[in-house]
Protein backbone atom coordinates (compact mmCIF):
# COMPACT_ATOMS: atom_id res chain seq x y z
CA MET A 1 -83.90 52.49 -129.49
CA ILE A 2 -84.07 50.64 -132.82
CA VAL A 3 -80.31 50.45 -133.40
CA TRP A 4 -79.72 49.19 -129.83
CA GLU A 5 -82.35 46.47 -130.26
CA ILE A 6 -80.67 45.26 -133.44
CA HIS A 7 -77.22 45.47 -131.86
CA SER A 8 -78.44 43.44 -128.87
CA LYS A 9 -79.69 40.73 -131.19
CA VAL A 10 -76.31 40.62 -132.93
CA GLY A 11 -74.67 40.09 -129.55
CA GLU A 12 -77.07 37.30 -128.66
CA LYS A 13 -76.50 35.58 -131.99
CA MET A 14 -72.73 35.76 -131.51
CA ASN A 15 -73.07 33.74 -128.31
CA GLN A 16 -75.08 30.97 -129.94
CA ASN A 17 -73.57 27.90 -131.53
CA GLN A 18 -73.79 28.14 -135.30
CA ASN A 19 -75.10 24.83 -136.62
CA VAL A 20 -75.99 25.96 -140.12
CA GLU A 21 -73.51 24.75 -142.72
CA ARG A 22 -72.27 27.35 -145.18
CA SER A 23 -70.16 26.63 -148.22
CA ALA A 24 -66.62 28.02 -148.41
CA ALA A 25 -67.69 30.23 -151.29
CA LEU A 26 -70.38 31.91 -149.19
CA ARG A 27 -68.00 32.35 -146.22
CA LYS A 28 -65.50 34.21 -148.35
CA ALA A 29 -68.01 36.42 -150.12
CA THR A 30 -67.44 40.17 -149.95
CA VAL A 31 -70.31 42.52 -149.10
CA LEU A 32 -70.12 46.26 -149.78
CA VAL A 33 -72.18 48.18 -147.20
CA VAL A 34 -73.20 51.65 -148.40
CA GLU A 35 -74.76 53.45 -145.43
CA ASP A 36 -74.17 57.00 -144.16
CA ASP A 37 -75.59 56.34 -140.68
CA LEU A 38 -72.58 55.20 -138.62
CA SER A 39 -74.70 53.34 -136.04
CA TYR A 40 -76.52 51.32 -138.68
CA ARG A 41 -73.31 50.72 -140.58
CA ARG A 42 -71.66 49.22 -137.50
CA VAL A 43 -74.67 47.02 -136.77
CA ILE A 44 -74.74 45.74 -140.35
CA GLU A 45 -70.99 45.11 -140.25
CA ASP A 46 -71.33 43.09 -137.03
CA ALA A 47 -74.17 41.05 -138.53
CA LEU A 48 -72.17 40.27 -141.67
CA HIS A 49 -69.10 39.30 -139.67
CA LEU A 50 -71.39 36.95 -137.77
CA GLY A 51 -72.29 35.41 -141.11
CA ALA A 52 -68.56 35.06 -141.91
CA TYR A 53 -68.53 37.58 -144.75
CA ARG A 54 -65.77 40.00 -145.66
CA VAL A 55 -67.09 43.56 -145.30
CA VAL A 56 -66.08 46.74 -147.11
CA LYS A 57 -67.80 50.05 -146.42
CA ALA A 58 -68.77 53.37 -147.97
CA ALA A 59 -70.61 56.32 -146.44
CA ASP A 60 -71.70 58.18 -149.60
CA GLY A 61 -72.45 57.66 -153.28
CA PRO A 62 -69.07 58.63 -154.80
CA SER A 63 -67.21 56.43 -152.31
CA ALA A 64 -69.56 53.54 -153.08
CA LEU A 65 -68.80 53.71 -156.80
CA GLU A 66 -65.07 53.88 -156.11
CA MET A 67 -65.18 50.98 -153.65
CA LEU A 68 -67.20 48.89 -156.10
CA SER A 69 -64.31 49.04 -158.56
CA LEU A 70 -61.61 48.48 -155.94
CA ALA A 71 -63.17 45.70 -153.87
CA GLU A 72 -65.26 43.89 -156.54
CA PRO A 73 -67.94 42.84 -154.00
CA ASP A 74 -70.24 39.86 -154.43
CA VAL A 75 -73.25 41.73 -152.98
CA VAL A 76 -74.01 45.41 -152.36
CA LEU A 77 -76.19 46.62 -149.46
CA LEU A 78 -77.26 50.08 -150.62
CA ASP A 79 -79.04 52.71 -148.54
CA LEU A 80 -81.19 54.94 -150.73
CA ARG A 81 -80.75 58.18 -148.75
CA LEU A 82 -77.08 59.02 -149.28
CA PRO A 83 -75.14 62.30 -149.40
CA GLY A 84 -73.42 63.30 -152.60
CA ILE A 85 -75.11 60.85 -154.96
CA ASP A 86 -78.26 59.16 -153.71
CA GLY A 87 -78.82 55.41 -153.79
CA PHE A 88 -81.04 55.55 -156.87
CA GLU A 89 -78.32 57.19 -158.96
CA VAL A 90 -75.68 54.81 -157.56
CA CYS A 91 -77.87 51.85 -158.57
CA ARG A 92 -78.42 53.28 -162.06
CA ARG A 93 -74.69 53.84 -162.61
CA VAL A 94 -73.75 50.41 -161.27
CA ARG A 95 -76.23 48.73 -163.59
CA SER A 96 -74.57 50.41 -166.58
CA PHE A 97 -71.47 48.24 -166.10
CA SER A 98 -72.17 45.49 -163.55
CA SER A 99 -74.77 42.85 -162.63
CA VAL A 100 -73.58 42.55 -159.01
CA PRO A 101 -76.60 41.81 -156.76
CA ILE A 102 -77.92 44.94 -155.04
CA ILE A 103 -80.09 44.85 -151.91
CA MET A 104 -81.66 48.21 -151.06
CA LEU A 105 -81.97 49.43 -147.48
CA THR A 106 -85.23 51.37 -147.22
CA ALA A 107 -87.40 52.96 -144.52
CA LEU A 108 -90.93 51.94 -143.64
CA GLY A 109 -93.63 53.53 -145.80
CA GLU A 110 -91.38 54.04 -148.85
CA GLU A 111 -93.23 51.71 -151.21
CA ARG A 112 -92.75 53.97 -154.23
CA HIS A 113 -89.03 54.17 -153.46
CA LYS A 114 -88.81 50.38 -153.34
CA VAL A 115 -90.48 50.10 -156.74
CA GLN A 116 -88.25 52.84 -158.17
CA GLY A 117 -85.12 51.08 -156.93
CA LEU A 118 -86.25 47.71 -158.27
CA ASP A 119 -87.04 49.32 -161.61
CA LEU A 120 -83.51 50.73 -161.76
CA GLY A 121 -82.09 47.22 -161.37
CA ALA A 122 -81.90 46.42 -157.66
CA ASP A 123 -82.48 42.76 -156.85
CA ASP A 124 -84.18 42.96 -153.46
CA TYR A 125 -84.74 45.21 -150.46
CA VAL A 126 -84.70 45.14 -146.67
CA THR A 127 -86.91 47.51 -144.69
CA LYS A 128 -85.52 49.34 -141.67
CA PRO A 129 -85.65 48.38 -138.84
CA PHE A 130 -84.62 44.89 -139.87
CA GLY A 131 -83.60 41.76 -138.01
CA VAL A 132 -80.22 40.10 -138.30
CA ASP A 133 -81.74 36.82 -139.53
CA GLU A 134 -83.64 38.56 -142.31
CA LEU A 135 -80.61 40.54 -143.45
CA LEU A 136 -78.39 37.46 -143.60
CA ALA A 137 -81.11 35.46 -145.36
CA ARG A 138 -81.41 38.10 -148.09
CA VAL A 139 -77.64 38.14 -148.59
CA ARG A 140 -77.52 34.33 -148.80
CA ALA A 141 -80.38 34.30 -151.31
CA CYS A 142 -78.59 36.79 -153.56
CA LEU A 143 -75.38 34.79 -153.40
CA ARG A 144 -77.21 31.56 -154.25
CA ARG A 145 -78.71 33.18 -157.33
CA ALA A 146 -75.33 34.58 -158.35
CA LYS A 147 -73.53 31.27 -157.90
CA ASP A 148 -76.27 29.42 -159.79
CA ASP A 149 -75.96 26.19 -157.81
CA SER A 150 -75.75 23.61 -160.59
CA SER A 151 -76.10 20.72 -158.15
CA GLU A 152 -79.81 21.47 -157.86
CA GLN A 153 -80.49 21.77 -161.58
CA VAL A 154 -82.25 18.96 -163.38
CA GLN A 155 -82.25 20.79 -166.72
CA PRO A 156 -79.29 20.76 -169.12
CA PRO A 157 -76.85 23.67 -168.70
CA VAL A 158 -78.10 25.18 -171.97
CA LEU A 159 -81.79 25.39 -172.79
CA LYS A 160 -82.44 25.64 -176.53
CA MET A 161 -85.94 26.52 -177.66
CA GLY A 162 -86.47 27.68 -181.21
CA ARG A 163 -84.32 30.76 -181.74
CA MET A 164 -83.53 31.15 -178.04
CA ALA A 165 -80.56 29.66 -176.17
CA ILE A 166 -80.19 30.15 -172.40
CA ASP A 167 -76.80 29.23 -170.94
CA SER A 168 -77.14 28.62 -167.19
CA GLU A 169 -73.40 28.27 -166.57
CA GLN A 170 -72.37 31.57 -168.15
CA GLN A 171 -75.77 33.19 -167.50
CA ARG A 172 -76.11 34.44 -171.06
CA VAL A 173 -79.15 34.57 -173.31
CA PHE A 174 -79.17 34.59 -177.10
CA VAL A 175 -82.05 34.94 -179.53
CA GLY A 176 -80.58 34.02 -182.88
CA ASP A 177 -77.27 35.91 -183.04
CA GLN A 178 -78.48 38.65 -180.71
CA GLU A 179 -77.44 38.53 -177.04
CA VAL A 180 -79.92 39.84 -174.49
CA LEU A 181 -78.10 41.33 -171.49
CA LEU A 182 -79.80 40.51 -168.19
CA THR A 183 -79.05 41.05 -164.51
CA ILE A 184 -78.62 38.01 -162.26
CA THR A 185 -82.19 38.27 -160.99
CA GLU A 186 -83.67 38.75 -164.46
CA PHE A 187 -81.75 35.71 -165.67
CA ALA A 188 -83.01 33.65 -162.71
CA LEU A 189 -86.61 34.64 -163.54
CA LEU A 190 -86.18 33.75 -167.21
CA TRP A 191 -84.58 30.40 -166.32
CA GLN A 192 -87.41 29.47 -163.97
CA LEU A 193 -90.05 30.33 -166.56
CA ALA A 194 -88.31 28.94 -169.64
CA SER A 195 -87.36 25.65 -167.98
CA LYS A 196 -91.08 25.13 -167.39
CA ALA A 197 -92.19 26.45 -170.78
CA GLY A 198 -95.86 25.89 -171.52
CA LYS A 199 -96.77 25.68 -167.82
CA VAL A 200 -97.97 28.41 -165.49
CA VAL A 201 -95.45 29.10 -162.72
CA SER A 202 -97.14 30.54 -159.64
CA HIS A 203 -96.22 33.86 -158.05
CA SER A 204 -95.23 32.12 -154.81
CA ALA A 205 -93.03 29.57 -156.62
CA LEU A 206 -91.17 32.35 -158.43
CA LEU A 207 -90.70 34.38 -155.25
CA GLN A 208 -89.32 31.36 -153.40
CA SER A 209 -87.06 30.10 -156.20
CA VAL A 210 -85.65 33.50 -157.23
CA TRP A 211 -85.72 35.57 -154.04
CA GLY A 212 -85.20 32.80 -151.51
CA ALA A 213 -87.15 30.28 -149.50
CA ASP A 214 -87.95 32.72 -146.68
CA GLY A 215 -90.94 33.90 -148.72
CA LYS A 216 -90.66 37.45 -147.33
CA SER A 217 -89.94 39.26 -150.57
CA SER A 218 -92.72 41.56 -151.71
CA SER A 219 -94.73 40.86 -154.82
CA SER A 220 -93.37 44.24 -155.97
CA CYS A 221 -90.01 42.52 -156.58
CA LEU A 222 -91.68 39.99 -158.85
CA LYS A 223 -93.84 42.48 -160.77
CA VAL A 224 -90.96 44.85 -161.43
CA GLY A 225 -88.60 41.96 -162.29
CA ILE A 226 -91.04 40.55 -164.85
CA SER A 227 -91.59 44.04 -166.29
CA ARG A 228 -87.85 44.59 -166.74
CA LEU A 229 -87.39 41.14 -168.25
CA ARG A 230 -90.20 41.69 -170.75
CA ARG A 231 -88.79 45.08 -171.72
CA LYS A 232 -85.30 43.70 -172.32
CA LEU A 233 -86.58 40.76 -174.36
CA LYS A 234 -88.59 43.18 -176.48
CA GLU A 235 -85.86 45.80 -176.90
CA GLY A 236 -83.00 43.32 -177.28
CA ALA A 237 -84.61 40.63 -179.39
CA GLY A 238 -88.02 41.86 -180.53
CA LEU A 239 -89.88 39.38 -178.32
CA SER A 240 -93.02 41.08 -177.05
CA SER A 241 -95.32 38.27 -175.91
CA CYS A 242 -93.33 35.23 -174.79
CA ILE A 243 -94.12 35.87 -171.10
CA ARG A 244 -97.85 35.93 -170.40
CA SER A 245 -99.63 36.83 -167.19
CA HIS A 246 -102.31 34.64 -165.63
CA ALA A 247 -104.09 37.07 -163.31
CA GLY A 248 -103.90 36.08 -159.67
CA VAL A 249 -101.98 32.89 -160.47
CA GLY A 250 -98.59 33.40 -162.10
CA TYR A 251 -96.74 33.63 -165.41
CA LEU A 252 -96.32 31.37 -168.43
CA PHE A 253 -93.44 31.22 -170.91
CA GLN A 254 -94.73 30.28 -174.34
CA LEU A 255 -92.74 29.09 -177.33
CA ASP A 256 -94.85 30.43 -180.21
CA GLU A 257 -92.92 33.67 -180.72
CA ILE A 258 -89.40 32.22 -180.44
CA SER A 259 -90.27 29.29 -182.73
CA LYS A 260 -90.95 31.57 -185.72
């Protein structure tokens, strides 16, 4: 049974010595688990406790939205098939007021659902049945993006290029006097591209730097993320061509449009 196999792995991992260092900030992070299947919810909770996270839970859409306001989680694990309000609608409503990282929990063979969720603003997804290591890696990757580890940055905290200013500390983007509102993942994509303006950044480099070094994130995440970023730059600041595709290679951020 799938759930038993996952639960057995959690038990095995609990008996192993944990040699991986985690920062205090990651240990204290709160994860909201939105899952109506009690067996899966318990397995996920055990896995997150193993990773030293605080866990809050919801079993349906309305409860998830209420818990989001009460608990102010750092990451949301969101099943798409929920009673009351489904995961897609929960994601859409959350994105209207919050940029909290959202990781979708999806079933095998639901590629169109993954794309739909990403397009609504989810940051990543995990496919059921999943392993404990993969789940924890995805959570850590989302937290790293959200915390924006400045110790690894070689660029100044604010990138200024023509009319555009990108503030890495406050994660805000301005084009002239107009602010462009981005999610955490969209900001991470823009930062990676803009900090290497004029150079092509490969698909694999973007996947690793934005979605984590495990390299397991689908190219769908990248395609949808770039599409959303382009749309927001166009709608929010009239920038329609600053991110260019290089087929089969990657993406390039060019300065021509923002220098005008």
